[in-house]
C-alpha atoms as a PDB file:
ATOM      1  CA  MET A   1       0.419   0.778   0.884  1.00  0.00           C
ATOM      2  CA  LEU A   2      -0.070   3.618  -1.550  1.00  0.00           C
ATOM      3  CA  GLY A   3      -0.698   3.469  -5.265  1.00  0.00           C
ATOM      4  CA  ALA A   4      -1.589  -0.233  -5.348  1.00  0.00           C
ATOM      5  CA  VAL A   5      -1.821  -1.850  -8.774  1.00  0.00           C
ATOM      6  CA  ASN A   6      -3.441  -5.032 -10.042  1.00  0.00           C
ATOM      7  CA  GLY A   7      -1.113  -7.158 -12.149  1.00  0.00           C
ATOM      8  CA  ARG A   8      -4.074  -9.143 -13.502  1.00  0.00           C
ATOM      9  CA  GLU A   9      -5.555  -6.002 -15.041  1.00  0.00           C
ATOM     10  CA  ASN A  10      -2.519  -4.705 -16.944  1.00  0.00           C
ATOM     11  CA  PHE A  11      -1.234  -2.956 -13.796  1.00  0.00           C
ATOM     12  CA  ASP A  12      -4.262  -0.698 -13.571  1.00  0.00           C
ATOM     13  CA  LYS A  13      -4.257   1.268 -10.326  1.00  0.00           C
ATOM     14  CA  ILE A  14      -6.587   0.032  -7.617  1.00  0.00           C
ATOM     15  CA  HIS A  15      -9.049   2.677  -6.402  1.00  0.00           C
ATOM     16  CA  PRO A  16     -10.528   1.750  -2.983  1.00  0.00           C
ATOM     17  CA  ILE A  17     -12.086   5.222  -3.014  1.00  0.00           C
ATOM     18  CA  VAL A  18     -12.885   7.148  -6.203  1.00  0.00           C
ATOM     19  CA  VAL A  19     -14.391  10.463  -7.220  1.00  0.00           C
ATOM     20  CA  ASP A  20     -17.417   9.690  -9.347  1.00  0.00           C
ATOM     21  CA  GLU A  21     -19.390  12.633 -10.770  1.00  0.00           C
ATOM     22  CA  SER A  22     -18.021  15.005  -8.129  1.00  0.00           C
ATOM     23  CA  ARG A  23     -18.779  12.704  -5.201  1.00  0.00           C
ATOM     24  CA  LEU A  24     -16.764  10.136  -3.291  1.00  0.00           C
ATOM     25  CA  VAL A  25     -17.584   6.457  -3.741  1.00  0.00           C
ATOM     26  CA  CYS A  26     -16.033   3.731  -1.569  1.00  0.00           C
ATOM     27  CA  THR A  27     -15.358   0.542  -3.522  1.00  0.00           C
ATOM     28  CA  PHE A  28     -13.882  -1.507  -0.676  1.00  0.00           C
ATOM     29  CA  PRO A  29     -16.189  -3.927   1.229  1.00  0.00           C
ATOM     30  CA  ALA A  30     -18.235  -2.244   3.952  1.00  0.00           C
ATOM     31  CA  SER A  31     -17.492  -5.167   6.295  1.00  0.00           C
ATOM     32  CA  ARG A  32     -13.748  -5.166   5.649  1.00  0.00           C
ATOM     33  CA  SER A  33     -11.535  -5.644   8.696  1.00  0.00           C
ATOM     34  CA  LEU A  34      -7.880  -4.832   9.217  1.00  0.00           C
ATOM     35  CA  SER A  35      -5.091  -7.259  10.031  1.00  0.00           C
ATOM     36  CA  VAL A  36      -2.887  -5.138  12.250  1.00  0.00           C
ATOM     37  CA  ALA A  37      -0.434  -5.395  15.121  1.00  0.00           C
ATOM     38  CA  LYS A  38      -1.840  -3.168  17.873  1.00  0.00           C
ATOM     39  CA  ASP A  39       0.564  -4.020  20.681  1.00  0.00           C
ATOM     40  CA  PHE A  40       2.548  -0.798  20.151  1.00  0.00           C
ATOM     41  CA  PRO A  41       1.382   2.115  22.368  1.00  0.00           C
ATOM     42  CA  PHE A  42       1.018   4.742  19.643  1.00  0.00           C
ATOM     43  CA  GLY A  43      -1.053   6.912  21.951  1.00  0.00           C
ATOM     44  CA  SER A  44       1.843   7.317  24.378  1.00  0.00           C
ATOM     45  CA  ILE A  45       3.866   9.328  21.869  1.00  0.00           C
ATOM     46  CA  VAL A  46       3.451  13.059  22.496  1.00  0.00           C
ATOM     47  CA  MET A  47       5.011  15.420  19.980  1.00  0.00           C
ATOM     48  CA  ASP A  48       4.542  18.744  18.229  1.00  0.00           C
ATOM     49  CA  HIS A  49       1.784  19.134  15.645  1.00  0.00           C
ATOM     50  CA  MET A  50      -0.690  16.827  17.365  1.00  0.00           C
ATOM     51  CA  PRO A  51      -4.172  16.833  15.783  1.00  0.00           C
ATOM     52  CA  THR A  52      -6.284  19.690  17.101  1.00  0.00           C
ATOM     53  CA  ALA A  53      -9.814  19.439  18.461  1.00  0.00           C
ATOM     54  CA  GLU A  54     -11.062  21.258  15.355  1.00  0.00           C
ATOM     55  CA  GLN A  55      -9.557  18.548  13.142  1.00  0.00           C
ATOM     56  CA  ARG A  56     -11.413  15.742  14.936  1.00  0.00           C
ATOM     57  CA  HIS A  57     -14.850  14.864  13.632  1.00  0.00           C
ATOM     58  CA  GLU A  58     -17.575  15.244  16.231  1.00  0.00           C
ATOM     59  CA  GLU A  59     -19.101  11.930  15.191  1.00  0.00           C
ATOM     60  CA  LYS A  60     -16.924   9.055  14.009  1.00  0.00           C
ATOM     61  CA  LEU A  61     -16.531   9.340  10.254  1.00  0.00           C
ATOM     62  CA  ASP A  62     -17.576   6.024   8.771  1.00  0.00           C
ATOM     63  CA  ARG A  63     -17.908   4.864   5.189  1.00  0.00           C
ATOM     64  CA  ILE A  64     -21.275   6.582   4.700  1.00  0.00           C
ATOM     65  CA  GLY A  65     -19.961   9.790   6.247  1.00  0.00           C
ATOM     66  CA  LEU A  66     -16.923   9.799   3.972  1.00  0.00           C
ATOM     67  CA  GLU A  67     -19.094   9.421   0.876  1.00  0.00           C
ATOM     68  CA  LYS A  68     -21.095  12.462   1.993  1.00  0.00           C
ATOM     69  CA  LEU A  69     -17.991  14.669   2.118  1.00  0.00           C
ATOM     70  CA  ALA A  70     -17.336  17.014  -0.767  1.00  0.00           C
ATOM     71  CA  PRO A  71     -14.143  16.026  -2.619  1.00  0.00           C
ATOM     72  CA  GLU A  72     -12.363  19.146  -1.323  1.00  0.00           C
ATOM     73  CA  GLU A  73     -13.274  18.229   2.258  1.00  0.00           C
ATOM     74  CA  ALA A  74     -11.958  14.708   1.709  1.00  0.00           C
ATOM     75  CA  LYS A  75      -8.794  16.175   0.198  1.00  0.00           C
ATOM     76  CA  ASP A  76      -8.238  18.362   3.274  1.00  0.00           C
ATOM     77  CA  LEU A  77      -8.842  15.380   5.568  1.00  0.00           C
ATOM     78  CA  LEU A  78      -6.409  13.246   3.577  1.00  0.00           C
ATOM     79  CA  ALA A  79      -3.761  15.964   3.750  1.00  0.00           C
ATOM     80  CA  ALA A  80      -4.114  16.111   7.539  1.00  0.00           C
ATOM     81  CA  LEU A  81      -3.897  12.321   7.823  1.00  0.00           C
ATOM     82  CA  LEU A  82      -0.811  12.125   5.632  1.00  0.00           C
ATOM     83  CA  GLN A  83       0.985  14.942   7.438  1.00  0.00           C
ATOM     84  CA  ARG A  84       0.280  13.349  10.817  1.00  0.00           C
ATOM     85  CA  GLU A  85       1.344   9.897   9.614  1.00  0.00           C
ATOM     86  CA  ASP A  86       4.576  11.298   8.180  1.00  0.00           C
ATOM     87  CA  ARG A  87       5.528  13.064  11.419  1.00  0.00           C
ATOM     88  CA  LEU A  88       4.606  10.082  13.564  1.00  0.00           C
ATOM     89  CA  ARG A  89       6.416   7.633  11.265  1.00  0.00           C
ATOM     90  CA  LEU A  90       9.661   9.607  11.661  1.00  0.00           C
ATOM     91  CA  HIS A  91       9.500   9.621  15.467  1.00  0.00           C
ATOM     92  CA  PRO A  92      12.568   7.785  16.912  1.00  0.00           C
ATOM     93  CA  ARG A  93      10.418   5.180  18.696  1.00  0.00           C
ATOM     94  CA  ILE A  94       8.529   4.364  15.499  1.00  0.00           C
ATOM     95  CA  GLN A  95      11.739   4.259  13.482  1.00  0.00           C
ATOM     96  CA  ALA A  96      13.202   1.875  16.045  1.00  0.00           C
ATOM     97  CA  VAL A  97      10.308  -0.527  15.443  1.00  0.00           C
ATOM     98  CA  PHE A  98      10.735  -0.330  11.672  1.00  0.00           C
ATOM     99  CA  GLY A  99      14.440  -1.010  12.195  1.00  0.00           C
ATOM    100  CA  SER A 100      13.724  -4.085  14.321  1.00  0.00           C
ATOM    101  CA  ILE A 101      11.284  -5.413  11.697  1.00  0.00           C
ATOM    102  CA  GLY A 102      14.031  -5.355   9.081  1.00  0.00           C
ATOM    103  CA  GLU A 103      13.152  -7.103   5.816  1.00  0.00           C
ATOM    104  CA  SER A 104       9.988  -8.833   7.034  1.00  0.00           C
ATOM    105  CA  GLU A 105       7.459  -7.498   4.500  1.00  0.00           C
ATOM    106  CA  GLN A 106       4.477  -8.992   6.306  1.00  0.00           C
ATOM    107  CA  GLU A 107       5.398  -7.514   9.684  1.00  0.00           C
ATOM    108  CA  MET A 108       6.224  -4.160   8.109  1.00  0.00           C
ATOM    109  CA  SER A 109       2.835  -4.099   6.384  1.00  0.00           C
ATOM    110  CA  ARG A 110       0.996  -5.006   9.600  1.00  0.00           C
ATOM    111  CA  PHE A 111       2.830  -2.373  11.636  1.00  0.00           C
ATOM    112  CA  THR A 112       2.325   0.316   8.984  1.00  0.00           C
ATOM    113  CA  THR A 113      -1.378  -0.526   8.845  1.00  0.00           C
ATOM    114  CA  ALA A 114      -1.557  -0.232  12.640  1.00  0.00           C
ATOM    115  CA  LEU A 115       0.179   3.152  12.436  1.00  0.00           C
ATOM    116  CA  GLN A 116      -2.269   4.389   9.803  1.00  0.00           C
ATOM    117  CA  ALA A 117      -5.240   3.031  11.785  1.00  0.00           C
ATOM    118  CA  HIS A 118      -4.048   4.920  14.864  1.00  0.00           C
ATOM    119  CA  VAL A 119      -3.695   8.133  12.858  1.00  0.00           C
ATOM    120  CA  ALA A 120      -7.273   7.689  11.609  1.00  0.00           C
ATOM    121  CA  SER A 121      -8.513   7.232  15.175  1.00  0.00           C
ATOM    122  CA  GLU A 122      -6.825  10.491  16.227  1.00  0.00           C
ATOM    123  CA  PHE A 123      -9.123  12.310  13.795  1.00  0.00           C
ATOM    124  CA  ASN A 124     -12.152  10.237  14.901  1.00  0.00           C
ATOM    125  CA  VAL A 125     -12.221   8.485  11.531  1.00  0.00           C
ATOM    126  CA  ASP A 126     -13.174   4.824  11.318  1.00  0.00           C
ATOM    127  CA  GLU A 127      -9.920   2.852  11.109  1.00  0.00           C
ATOM    128  CA  VAL A 128     -10.823   0.920   7.949  1.00  0.00           C
ATOM    129  CA  VAL A 129     -12.053   4.099   6.246  1.00  0.00           C
ATOM    130  CA  GLY A 130      -8.948   6.058   7.271  1.00  0.00           C
ATOM    131  CA  VAL A 131      -6.515   3.399   6.090  1.00  0.00           C
ATOM    132  CA  GLU A 132      -8.317   3.002   2.753  1.00  0.00           C
ATOM    133  CA  LEU A 133      -8.361   6.789   2.275  1.00  0.00           C
ATOM    134  CA  ILE A 134      -4.598   6.915   2.877  1.00  0.00           C
ATOM    135  CA  ARG A 135      -4.053   4.003   0.491  1.00  0.00           C
ATOM    136  CA  SER A 136      -6.132   5.749  -2.174  1.00  0.00           C
ATOM    137  CA  ALA A 137      -4.020   8.901  -2.002  1.00  0.00           C
ATOM    138  CA  THR A 138      -2.031   8.548  -5.226  1.00  0.00           C
ATOM    139  CA  THR A 139      -5.044   7.653  -7.353  1.00  0.00           C
ATOM    140  CA  LEU A 140      -7.509   9.976  -5.623  1.00  0.00           C
ATOM    141  CA  PHE A 141      -5.492  13.185  -5.141  1.00  0.00           C
ATOM    142  CA  PRO A 142      -1.990  12.740  -6.663  1.00  0.00           C
ATOM    143  CA  ASP A 143      -0.695  16.162  -5.601  1.00  0.00           C
ATOM    144  CA  THR A 144      -1.839  15.679  -2.013  1.00  0.00           C
ATOM    145  CA  ALA A 145      -0.274  12.202  -1.996  1.00  0.00           C
ATOM    146  CA  LYS A 146       3.161  13.833  -2.229  1.00  0.00           C
ATOM    147  CA  LEU A 147       2.801  14.618   1.475  1.00  0.00           C
ATOM    148  CA  ALA A 148       3.154  10.906   2.198  1.00  0.00           C
ATOM    149  CA  HIS A 149       6.559   9.620   3.264  1.00  0.00           C
ATOM    150  CA  TYR A 150       6.117   6.464   1.189  1.00  0.00           C
ATOM    151  CA  VAL A 151       5.345   8.426  -1.980  1.00  0.00           C
ATOM    152  CA  ARG A 152       8.241  10.864  -1.574  1.00  0.00           C
ATOM    153  CA  HIS A 153      10.732   8.046  -1.072  1.00  0.00           C
ATOM    154  CA  ASN A 154       9.199   5.428  -3.354  1.00  0.00           C
ATOM    155  CA  ARG A 155      11.935   3.710  -5.365  1.00  0.00           C
ATOM    156  CA  CYS A 156       9.535   1.719  -7.546  1.00  0.00           C
ATOM    157  CA  PHE A 157       9.043   2.637 -11.187  1.00  0.00           C
ATOM    158  CA  GLN A 158       7.304   1.309 -14.263  1.00  0.00           C
ATOM    159  CA  GLY A 159       9.721  -0.972 -16.071  1.00  0.00           C
ATOM    160  CA  ASP A 160      10.336  -0.918 -19.823  1.00  0.00           C
ATOM    161  CA  LEU A 161       9.714  -4.643 -20.480  1.00  0.00           C
ATOM    162  CA  ARG A 162       6.742  -5.088 -22.809  1.00  0.00           C
ATOM    163  CA  VAL A 163       4.757  -8.000 -24.200  1.00  0.00           C
ATOM    164  CA  GLY A 164       6.774  -9.630 -26.993  1.00  0.00           C
ATOM    165  CA  ASP A 165      10.183  -8.516 -25.686  1.00  0.00           C
ATOM    166  CA  ARG A 166      12.911 -11.060 -25.071  1.00  0.00           C
ATOM    167  CA  ALA A 167      12.986 -11.599 -21.329  1.00  0.00           C
ATOM    168  CA  PRO A 168      16.292 -10.847 -19.547  1.00  0.00           C
ATOM    169  CA  ASP A 169      18.181 -13.831 -18.160  1.00  0.00           C
ATOM    170  CA  VAL A 170      17.369 -13.202 -14.503  1.00  0.00           C
ATOM    171  CA  GLU A 171      18.281 -15.422 -11.571  1.00  0.00           C
ATOM    172  CA  LEU A 172      15.571 -17.822 -10.395  1.00  0.00           C
ATOM    173  CA  LEU A 173      14.878 -20.354  -7.697  1.00  0.00           C
ATOM    174  CA  THR A 174      13.316 -23.602  -8.880  1.00  0.00           C
ATOM    175  CA  LEU A 175      10.547 -25.346  -6.941  1.00  0.00           C
ATOM    176  CA  ALA A 176      13.320 -27.484  -5.473  1.00  0.00           C
ATOM    177  CA  ALA A 177      14.937 -24.280  -4.161  1.00  0.00           C
ATOM    178  CA  GLU A 178      17.869 -24.656  -6.550  1.00  0.00           C
ATOM    179  CA  ARG A 179      19.455 -21.554  -8.064  1.00  0.00           C
ATOM    180  CA  SER A 180      19.127 -21.218 -11.810  1.00  0.00           C
ATOM    181  CA  THR A 181      18.422 -18.631 -14.497  1.00  0.00           C
ATOM    182  CA  LEU A 182      15.391 -18.028 -16.676  1.00  0.00           C
ATOM    183  CA  TRP A 183      16.989 -18.989 -19.963  1.00  0.00           C
ATOM    184  CA  THR A 184      18.671 -22.042 -18.448  1.00  0.00           C
ATOM    185  CA  GLU A 185      15.241 -23.354 -17.494  1.00  0.00           C
ATOM    186  CA  ILE A 186      13.714 -22.396 -20.843  1.00  0.00           C
ATOM    187  CA  ASP A 187      16.518 -24.155 -22.748  1.00  0.00           C
ATOM    188  CA  LYS A 188      16.049 -27.286 -20.636  1.00  0.00           C
ATOM    189  CA  ARG A 189      12.406 -27.420 -21.605  1.00  0.00           C
ATOM    190  CA  ARG A 190      13.113 -26.620 -25.246  1.00  0.00           C
ATOM    191  CA  ALA A 191      15.228 -29.759 -25.365  1.00  0.00           C
ATOM    192  CA  GLY A 192      12.161 -31.649 -24.178  1.00  0.00           C
ATOM    193  CA  VAL A 193      11.807 -35.116 -22.812  1.00  0.00           C
ATOM    194  CA  GLY A 194      11.005 -37.789 -25.352  1.00  0.00           C
ATOM    195  CA  HIS A 195      10.952 -35.081 -28.034  1.00  0.00           C
ATOM    196  CA  GLN A 196       8.043 -33.344 -26.302  1.00  0.00           C
ATOM    197  CA  LEU A 197       8.413 -29.703 -25.299  1.00  0.00           C
ATOM    198  CA  LYS A 198       7.572 -28.885 -21.700  1.00  0.00           C
ATOM    199  CA  ALA A 199       6.022 -25.636 -20.545  1.00  0.00           C
ATOM    200  CA  CYS A 200       8.124 -23.250 -18.458  1.00  0.00           C
ATOM    201  CA  VAL A 201       6.077 -21.294 -15.934  1.00  0.00           C
ATOM    202  CA  VAL A 202       7.708 -18.343 -14.135  1.00  0.00           C
ATOM    203  CA  LEU A 203       5.990 -16.812 -11.121  1.00  0.00           C
ATOM    204  CA  GLY A 204       7.035 -13.278 -10.178  1.00  0.00           C
ATOM    205  CA  ALA A 205       5.442 -11.277  -7.396  1.00  0.00           C
ATOM    206  CA  SER A 206       5.987  -8.389  -5.033  1.00  0.00           C
ATOM    207  CA  PHE A 207       4.367  -7.735  -1.668  1.00  0.00           C
ATOM    208  CA  THR A 208       4.575  -4.456   0.207  1.00  0.00           C
END
């Protein structure tokens, strides 16, 4: 995931890693673990533009090590990670897996996380740190983030609906799994039961 936002905070961008007074600061939990599917043999894929020995850190780069990097060093590392992930993601065997996953958002997220964790390991970067650095790309170094496949082909955009606007009459599913529309449900509750208005709660969410 790149460019994550928090709907509870007016869609402010989430910054797992930030630049604070010219130094990197990790805001994700130090003990965080990844939920990934590691049954795919990423290491068996040999292709052009493999990471070089010079690009691998001599000692595994952990959270503390990342925070000690100068922002420009972190930017260069991120660029290398994103370029490697992009090339690996487009490999026919990887694309075949994405194709088999189809519309399963949870499986796609787990596989993508596993892919990013493998890329981090190729550079001798702690998997959690590497994945969080990749996920921080758009908020940390926006220009560098353009190297990412997901960013270049992102079809999401900020909508024009604002607080106080009349909501469009979109299709809904009720809790009983019956098809309806927003204004149909609102009108039902406006009519009330026993002359008492009932609240209409609409839950909308997206998971990538």
